[in-house]
Amino acid sequence: FKFGSISVDDVRLGIRSLRGGSGPGFDNLTVEMIKSVEDEIMPALYHIISESLRQGVFPDDLKLSIIKPIFKSGDRSLPQNYRPISLLSVISKLIEKIVKNRLVNWMVANKLISKNQFGFQIGLSTQDA
């Protein structure tokens, strides 16, 4: 598998596929913020992401997450009634999305996904099995 270079369209597609509504990571950026200034930040964002992928380096800062406790149910004073979530940087999520899209497209093109794989496939679900 040769990753190759990415395009501005790859970054735009990645941004548009990010779901909003979650809290910001360590950098205090949200998906909504990135989407609202997409055109203005695209040159810098494209450069950062393409260089990261070209060099095969995932910046250490993007590996940081904020762990937040989310209440499940029951007595709020009991720690076991909470579950942890990790809030990651939007830029980290974007790079991961671009890499995932590239890998999935390559796997489909090379017929590496079993015909019996129904979950996590576009247009298919486990109900189709």
N, C-alpha and C. Protein backbone atom coordinates (compact mmCIF):
# COMPACT_ATOMS: atom_id res chain seq x y z
N PHE A 1 0.84 -1.18 0.00
CA PHE A 1 0.00 0.00 0.00
C PHE A 1 0.88 1.23 0.00
N LYS A 2 0.72 2.06 -1.02
CA LYS A 2 1.45 3.34 -1.09
C LYS A 2 0.43 4.44 -0.87
N PHE A 3 0.65 5.24 0.16
CA PHE A 3 -0.34 6.25 0.52
C PHE A 3 -0.45 7.35 -0.51
N GLY A 4 0.65 7.84 -1.02
CA GLY A 4 0.62 8.91 -2.01
C GLY A 4 0.25 10.24 -1.38
N SER A 5 0.17 11.25 -2.22
CA SER A 5 -0.15 12.59 -1.71
C SER A 5 -1.66 12.78 -1.64
N ILE A 6 -2.07 13.74 -0.83
CA ILE A 6 -3.49 14.05 -0.71
C ILE A 6 -3.77 15.35 -1.45
N SER A 7 -5.04 15.61 -1.68
CA SER A 7 -5.45 16.84 -2.34
C SER A 7 -6.25 17.71 -1.37
N VAL A 8 -6.46 18.95 -1.76
CA VAL A 8 -7.31 19.84 -0.98
C VAL A 8 -8.71 19.24 -0.89
N ASP A 9 -9.16 18.59 -1.96
CA ASP A 9 -10.48 17.95 -1.94
C ASP A 9 -10.56 16.85 -0.89
N ASP A 10 -9.47 16.11 -0.68
CA ASP A 10 -9.44 15.09 0.37
C ASP A 10 -9.68 15.73 1.74
N VAL A 11 -9.05 16.87 1.95
CA VAL A 11 -9.20 17.58 3.23
C VAL A 11 -10.62 18.11 3.36
N ARG A 12 -11.16 18.70 2.29
CA ARG A 12 -12.54 19.21 2.32
C ARG A 12 -13.54 18.09 2.61
N LEU A 13 -13.37 16.95 1.94
CA LEU A 13 -14.25 15.81 2.17
C LEU A 13 -14.15 15.35 3.62
N GLY A 14 -12.94 15.32 4.15
CA GLY A 14 -12.75 14.94 5.54
C GLY A 14 -13.45 15.89 6.49
N ILE A 15 -13.32 17.18 6.25
CA ILE A 15 -13.97 18.18 7.11
C ILE A 15 -15.48 18.01 7.06
N ARG A 16 -16.01 17.85 5.88
CA ARG A 16 -17.46 17.74 5.73
C ARG A 16 -18.03 16.47 6.33
N SER A 17 -17.19 15.45 6.48
CA SER A 17 -17.68 14.19 7.05
C SER A 17 -17.55 14.15 8.58
N LEU A 18 -16.90 15.15 9.17
CA LEU A 18 -16.78 15.19 10.63
C LEU A 18 -18.12 15.56 11.26
N ARG A 19 -18.48 14.83 12.31
CA ARG A 19 -19.72 15.13 13.02
C ARG A 19 -19.43 16.14 14.12
N GLY A 20 -20.31 17.09 14.26
CA GLY A 20 -20.17 18.08 15.31
C GLY A 20 -20.87 17.64 16.58
N GLY A 21 -20.93 18.55 17.52
CA GLY A 21 -21.66 18.28 18.74
C GLY A 21 -20.84 17.78 19.91
N SER A 22 -19.59 17.41 19.66
CA SER A 22 -18.77 16.95 20.78
C SER A 22 -17.93 18.11 21.30
N GLY A 23 -17.43 17.95 22.49
CA GLY A 23 -16.61 18.99 23.10
C GLY A 23 -15.27 19.10 22.41
N PRO A 24 -14.59 20.22 22.63
CA PRO A 24 -13.28 20.42 22.01
C PRO A 24 -12.20 19.60 22.70
N GLY A 25 -11.13 19.34 21.98
CA GLY A 25 -9.97 18.69 22.55
C GLY A 25 -9.10 19.71 23.26
N PHE A 26 -7.84 19.37 23.46
CA PHE A 26 -6.91 20.23 24.19
C PHE A 26 -6.73 21.59 23.53
N ASP A 27 -6.97 21.67 22.22
CA ASP A 27 -6.74 22.91 21.47
C ASP A 27 -7.96 23.84 21.46
N ASN A 28 -9.04 23.40 22.11
CA ASN A 28 -10.29 24.17 22.20
C ASN A 28 -10.97 24.43 20.86
N LEU A 29 -10.61 23.67 19.84
CA LEU A 29 -11.28 23.80 18.54
C LEU A 29 -12.42 22.79 18.45
N THR A 30 -13.52 23.21 17.86
CA THR A 30 -14.64 22.30 17.63
C THR A 30 -14.81 22.08 16.13
N VAL A 31 -15.55 21.05 15.78
CA VAL A 31 -15.84 20.78 14.38
C VAL A 31 -16.56 21.98 13.77
N GLU A 32 -17.48 22.55 14.51
CA GLU A 32 -18.24 23.70 14.00
C GLU A 32 -17.32 24.88 13.69
N MET A 33 -16.32 25.10 14.53
CA MET A 33 -15.37 26.20 14.28
C MET A 33 -14.59 25.96 12.99
N ILE A 34 -14.09 24.74 12.82
CA ILE A 34 -13.31 24.41 11.62
C ILE A 34 -14.17 24.57 10.37
N LYS A 35 -15.41 24.07 10.43
CA LYS A 35 -16.30 24.17 9.27
C LYS A 35 -16.63 25.63 8.94
N SER A 36 -16.74 26.48 9.96
CA SER A 36 -17.13 27.87 9.71
C SER A 36 -16.01 28.70 9.08
N VAL A 37 -14.77 28.26 9.21
CA VAL A 37 -13.64 29.00 8.63
C VAL A 37 -12.84 28.14 7.65
N GLU A 38 -13.50 27.13 7.11
CA GLU A 38 -12.83 26.16 6.23
C GLU A 38 -12.04 26.82 5.11
N ASP A 39 -12.65 27.73 4.40
CA ASP A 39 -11.96 28.36 3.25
C ASP A 39 -10.74 29.17 3.69
N GLU A 40 -10.86 29.88 4.80
CA GLU A 40 -9.77 30.73 5.27
C GLU A 40 -8.56 29.92 5.76
N ILE A 41 -8.82 28.78 6.39
CA ILE A 41 -7.71 28.00 6.97
C ILE A 41 -7.23 26.87 6.07
N MET A 42 -7.90 26.66 4.94
CA MET A 42 -7.57 25.51 4.09
C MET A 42 -6.10 25.46 3.67
N PRO A 43 -5.48 26.56 3.21
CA PRO A 43 -4.07 26.45 2.81
C PRO A 43 -3.17 25.94 3.94
N ALA A 44 -3.32 26.50 5.14
CA ALA A 44 -2.49 26.07 6.27
C ALA A 44 -2.83 24.65 6.71
N LEU A 45 -4.11 24.35 6.77
CA LEU A 45 -4.55 23.02 7.19
C LEU A 45 -4.08 21.95 6.21
N TYR A 46 -4.23 22.23 4.93
CA TYR A 46 -3.77 21.30 3.91
C TYR A 46 -2.26 21.07 4.04
N HIS A 47 -1.51 22.13 4.24
CA HIS A 47 -0.05 22.00 4.37
C HIS A 47 0.33 21.14 5.57
N ILE A 48 -0.28 21.41 6.72
CA ILE A 48 0.02 20.64 7.94
C ILE A 48 -0.29 19.16 7.74
N ILE A 49 -1.47 18.87 7.20
CA ILE A 49 -1.89 17.47 7.05
C ILE A 49 -1.07 16.76 5.98
N SER A 50 -0.85 17.41 4.84
CA SER A 50 -0.10 16.74 3.77
C SER A 50 1.35 16.49 4.18
N GLU A 51 1.96 17.43 4.91
CA GLU A 51 3.33 17.23 5.38
C GLU A 51 3.40 16.14 6.44
N SER A 52 2.43 16.10 7.31
CA SER A 52 2.38 15.05 8.33
C SER A 52 2.32 13.68 7.67
N LEU A 53 1.46 13.53 6.68
CA LEU A 53 1.31 12.25 5.99
C LEU A 53 2.52 11.94 5.12
N ARG A 54 3.06 12.95 4.45
CA ARG A 54 4.23 12.74 3.60
C ARG A 54 5.43 12.26 4.41
N GLN A 55 5.61 12.86 5.58
CA GLN A 55 6.75 12.51 6.43
C GLN A 55 6.47 11.29 7.30
N GLY A 56 5.21 10.85 7.34
CA GLY A 56 4.86 9.72 8.20
C GLY A 56 4.95 10.05 9.67
N VAL A 57 4.65 11.30 10.01
CA VAL A 57 4.75 11.75 11.39
C VAL A 57 3.38 12.27 11.85
N PHE A 58 2.92 11.73 12.96
CA PHE A 58 1.68 12.23 13.57
C PHE A 58 2.11 13.08 14.76
N PRO A 59 1.93 14.41 14.69
CA PRO A 59 2.44 15.29 15.74
C PRO A 59 2.02 14.87 17.15
N ASP A 60 2.98 14.89 18.06
CA ASP A 60 2.72 14.46 19.44
C ASP A 60 1.55 15.21 20.08
N ASP A 61 1.44 16.50 19.83
CA ASP A 61 0.35 17.28 20.41
C ASP A 61 -1.02 16.74 20.00
N LEU A 62 -1.10 16.18 18.81
CA LEU A 62 -2.39 15.66 18.34
C LEU A 62 -2.74 14.32 18.97
N LYS A 63 -1.83 13.74 19.71
CA LYS A 63 -2.09 12.48 20.41
C LYS A 63 -2.69 12.71 21.79
N LEU A 64 -2.74 13.97 22.22
CA LEU A 64 -3.27 14.29 23.54
C LEU A 64 -4.79 14.24 23.53
N SER A 65 -5.37 13.82 24.64
CA SER A 65 -6.82 13.85 24.77
C SER A 65 -7.19 14.33 26.16
N ILE A 66 -8.38 14.83 26.27
CA ILE A 66 -8.94 15.22 27.56
C ILE A 66 -9.93 14.13 27.94
N ILE A 67 -9.76 13.55 29.12
CA ILE A 67 -10.67 12.51 29.59
C ILE A 67 -11.73 13.17 30.46
N LYS A 68 -12.99 12.97 30.09
CA LYS A 68 -14.10 13.55 30.84
C LYS A 68 -15.01 12.43 31.32
N PRO A 69 -15.49 12.52 32.56
CA PRO A 69 -16.45 11.52 33.04
C PRO A 69 -17.86 11.88 32.57
N ILE A 70 -18.57 10.89 32.07
CA ILE A 70 -19.95 11.08 31.63
C ILE A 70 -20.85 10.25 32.54
N PHE A 71 -21.84 10.88 33.13
CA PHE A 71 -22.75 10.20 34.04
C PHE A 71 -23.63 9.21 33.27
N LYS A 72 -23.75 8.00 33.80
CA LYS A 72 -24.61 6.98 33.19
C LYS A 72 -25.99 7.04 33.86
N SER A 73 -26.07 6.56 35.08
CA SER A 73 -27.32 6.59 35.84
C SER A 73 -27.03 6.22 37.28
N GLY A 74 -28.02 6.41 38.13
CA GLY A 74 -27.85 6.04 39.53
C GLY A 74 -27.38 7.21 40.38
N ASP A 75 -26.64 6.86 41.41
CA ASP A 75 -26.15 7.83 42.38
C ASP A 75 -24.95 8.59 41.80
N ARG A 76 -25.09 9.90 41.67
CA ARG A 76 -24.02 10.72 41.08
C ARG A 76 -22.76 10.76 41.94
N SER A 77 -22.84 10.35 43.18
CA SER A 77 -21.66 10.39 44.05
C SER A 77 -20.79 9.14 43.91
N LEU A 78 -21.25 8.14 43.15
CA LEU A 78 -20.50 6.89 42.99
C LEU A 78 -19.72 6.90 41.67
N PRO A 79 -18.41 6.72 41.74
CA PRO A 79 -17.58 6.73 40.53
C PRO A 79 -17.99 5.68 39.49
N GLN A 80 -18.48 4.53 39.92
CA GLN A 80 -18.84 3.48 38.96
C GLN A 80 -20.05 3.85 38.10
N ASN A 81 -20.73 4.94 38.43
CA ASN A 81 -21.87 5.39 37.64
C ASN A 81 -21.47 6.38 36.54
N TYR A 82 -20.17 6.43 36.26
CA TYR A 82 -19.64 7.29 35.22
C TYR A 82 -18.82 6.46 34.24
N ARG A 83 -18.78 6.91 33.01
CA ARG A 83 -17.90 6.27 32.02
C ARG A 83 -17.01 7.37 31.44
N PRO A 84 -15.78 7.01 31.09
CA PRO A 84 -14.88 8.03 30.55
C PRO A 84 -15.06 8.20 29.04
N ILE A 85 -14.91 9.42 28.58
CA ILE A 85 -14.81 9.67 27.14
C ILE A 85 -13.53 10.46 26.91
N SER A 86 -12.95 10.29 25.74
CA SER A 86 -11.74 11.01 25.36
C SER A 86 -12.10 12.07 24.34
N LEU A 87 -11.76 13.30 24.63
CA LEU A 87 -11.98 14.39 23.69
C LEU A 87 -10.68 14.65 22.95
N LEU A 88 -10.70 14.41 21.65
CA LEU A 88 -9.51 14.53 20.81
C LEU A 88 -9.55 15.82 20.00
N SER A 89 -8.41 16.23 19.53
CA SER A 89 -8.30 17.39 18.65
C SER A 89 -9.06 17.14 17.35
N VAL A 90 -9.75 18.15 16.85
CA VAL A 90 -10.45 18.04 15.57
C VAL A 90 -9.46 17.75 14.45
N ILE A 91 -8.28 18.34 14.52
CA ILE A 91 -7.25 18.11 13.50
C ILE A 91 -6.83 16.65 13.51
N SER A 92 -6.70 16.07 14.69
CA SER A 92 -6.38 14.65 14.82
C SER A 92 -7.46 13.80 14.17
N LYS A 93 -8.72 14.11 14.46
CA LYS A 93 -9.84 13.37 13.87
C LYS A 93 -9.84 13.50 12.35
N LEU A 94 -9.51 14.69 11.87
CA LEU A 94 -9.49 14.94 10.43
C LEU A 94 -8.41 14.11 9.74
N ILE A 95 -7.21 14.08 10.31
CA ILE A 95 -6.14 13.26 9.72
C ILE A 95 -6.55 11.79 9.71
N GLU A 96 -7.11 11.32 10.82
CA GLU A 96 -7.55 9.93 10.90
C GLU A 96 -8.62 9.62 9.85
N LYS A 97 -9.53 10.56 9.63
CA LYS A 97 -10.60 10.38 8.65
C LYS A 97 -10.02 10.28 7.24
N ILE A 98 -9.05 11.13 6.92
CA ILE A 98 -8.42 11.11 5.59
C ILE A 98 -7.71 9.78 5.37
N VAL A 99 -6.97 9.32 6.38
CA VAL A 99 -6.26 8.04 6.27
C VAL A 99 -7.26 6.89 6.13
N LYS A 100 -8.32 6.91 6.93
CA LYS A 100 -9.35 5.86 6.85
C LYS A 100 -9.97 5.82 5.45
N ASN A 101 -10.34 6.97 4.92
CA ASN A 101 -10.94 7.02 3.58
C ASN A 101 -10.00 6.43 2.54
N ARG A 102 -8.74 6.79 2.63
CA ARG A 102 -7.74 6.28 1.68
C ARG A 102 -7.62 4.76 1.78
N LEU A 103 -7.53 4.25 3.01
CA LEU A 103 -7.40 2.80 3.22
C LEU A 103 -8.63 2.03 2.74
N VAL A 104 -9.81 2.53 3.07
CA VAL A 104 -11.04 1.85 2.65
C VAL A 104 -11.14 1.84 1.13
N ASN A 105 -10.87 2.96 0.48
CA ASN A 105 -10.92 3.01 -0.99
C ASN A 105 -9.93 2.03 -1.60
N TRP A 106 -8.73 1.93 -1.03
CA TRP A 106 -7.73 0.99 -1.53
C TRP A 106 -8.18 -0.45 -1.34
N MET A 107 -8.75 -0.73 -0.17
CA MET A 107 -9.22 -2.10 0.10
C MET A 107 -10.36 -2.49 -0.84
N VAL A 108 -11.27 -1.57 -1.10
CA VAL A 108 -12.38 -1.84 -2.02
C VAL A 108 -11.83 -2.05 -3.43
N ALA A 109 -10.95 -1.17 -3.88
CA ALA A 109 -10.37 -1.27 -5.23
C ALA A 109 -9.61 -2.57 -5.43
N ASN A 110 -9.00 -3.08 -4.37
CA ASN A 110 -8.22 -4.31 -4.46
C ASN A 110 -8.99 -5.54 -3.99
N LYS A 111 -10.31 -5.36 -3.84
CA LYS A 111 -11.21 -6.45 -3.45
C LYS A 111 -10.72 -7.21 -2.21
N LEU A 112 -10.35 -6.45 -1.19
CA LEU A 112 -9.84 -7.04 0.04
C LEU A 112 -10.89 -7.11 1.15
N ILE A 113 -12.07 -6.60 0.88
CA ILE A 113 -13.14 -6.67 1.87
C ILE A 113 -14.06 -7.82 1.47
N SER A 114 -14.25 -8.73 2.40
CA SER A 114 -15.06 -9.92 2.16
C SER A 114 -16.48 -9.54 1.75
N LYS A 115 -17.07 -10.32 0.86
CA LYS A 115 -18.47 -10.10 0.48
C LYS A 115 -19.39 -10.38 1.65
N ASN A 116 -18.87 -11.04 2.69
CA ASN A 116 -19.65 -11.33 3.89
C ASN A 116 -19.53 -10.23 4.95
N GLN A 117 -18.80 -9.17 4.63
CA GLN A 117 -18.65 -8.04 5.56
C GLN A 117 -19.79 -7.06 5.32
N PHE A 118 -20.71 -6.97 6.25
CA PHE A 118 -21.86 -6.09 6.09
C PHE A 118 -21.79 -4.87 7.01
N GLY A 119 -21.23 -5.04 8.19
CA GLY A 119 -21.11 -3.92 9.11
C GLY A 119 -20.03 -2.95 8.65
N PHE A 120 -20.23 -1.69 8.94
CA PHE A 120 -19.26 -0.63 8.65
C PHE A 120 -18.99 -0.47 7.15
N GLN A 121 -19.95 -0.83 6.32
CA GLN A 121 -19.82 -0.66 4.88
C GLN A 121 -20.88 0.32 4.40
N ILE A 122 -20.50 1.23 3.53
CA ILE A 122 -21.44 2.23 3.03
C ILE A 122 -22.58 1.52 2.30
N GLY A 123 -23.80 1.86 2.69
CA GLY A 123 -24.98 1.30 2.05
C GLY A 123 -25.36 -0.09 2.54
N LEU A 124 -24.60 -0.64 3.49
CA LEU A 124 -24.90 -1.97 4.02
C LEU A 124 -25.00 -1.90 5.54
N SER A 125 -25.69 -2.87 6.10
CA SER A 125 -25.73 -3.00 7.56
C SER A 125 -25.78 -4.47 7.91
N THR A 126 -25.66 -4.76 9.17
CA THR A 126 -25.72 -6.16 9.60
C THR A 126 -27.09 -6.77 9.29
N GLN A 127 -28.10 -5.94 9.10
CA GLN A 127 -29.43 -6.44 8.74
C GLN A 127 -29.45 -6.99 7.31
N ASP A 128 -28.49 -6.58 6.48
CA ASP A 128 -28.39 -7.10 5.11
C ASP A 128 -27.78 -8.49 5.07
N ALA A 129 -27.15 -8.91 6.16
CA ALA A 129 -26.50 -10.21 6.21
C ALA A 129 -27.53 -11.28 6.14
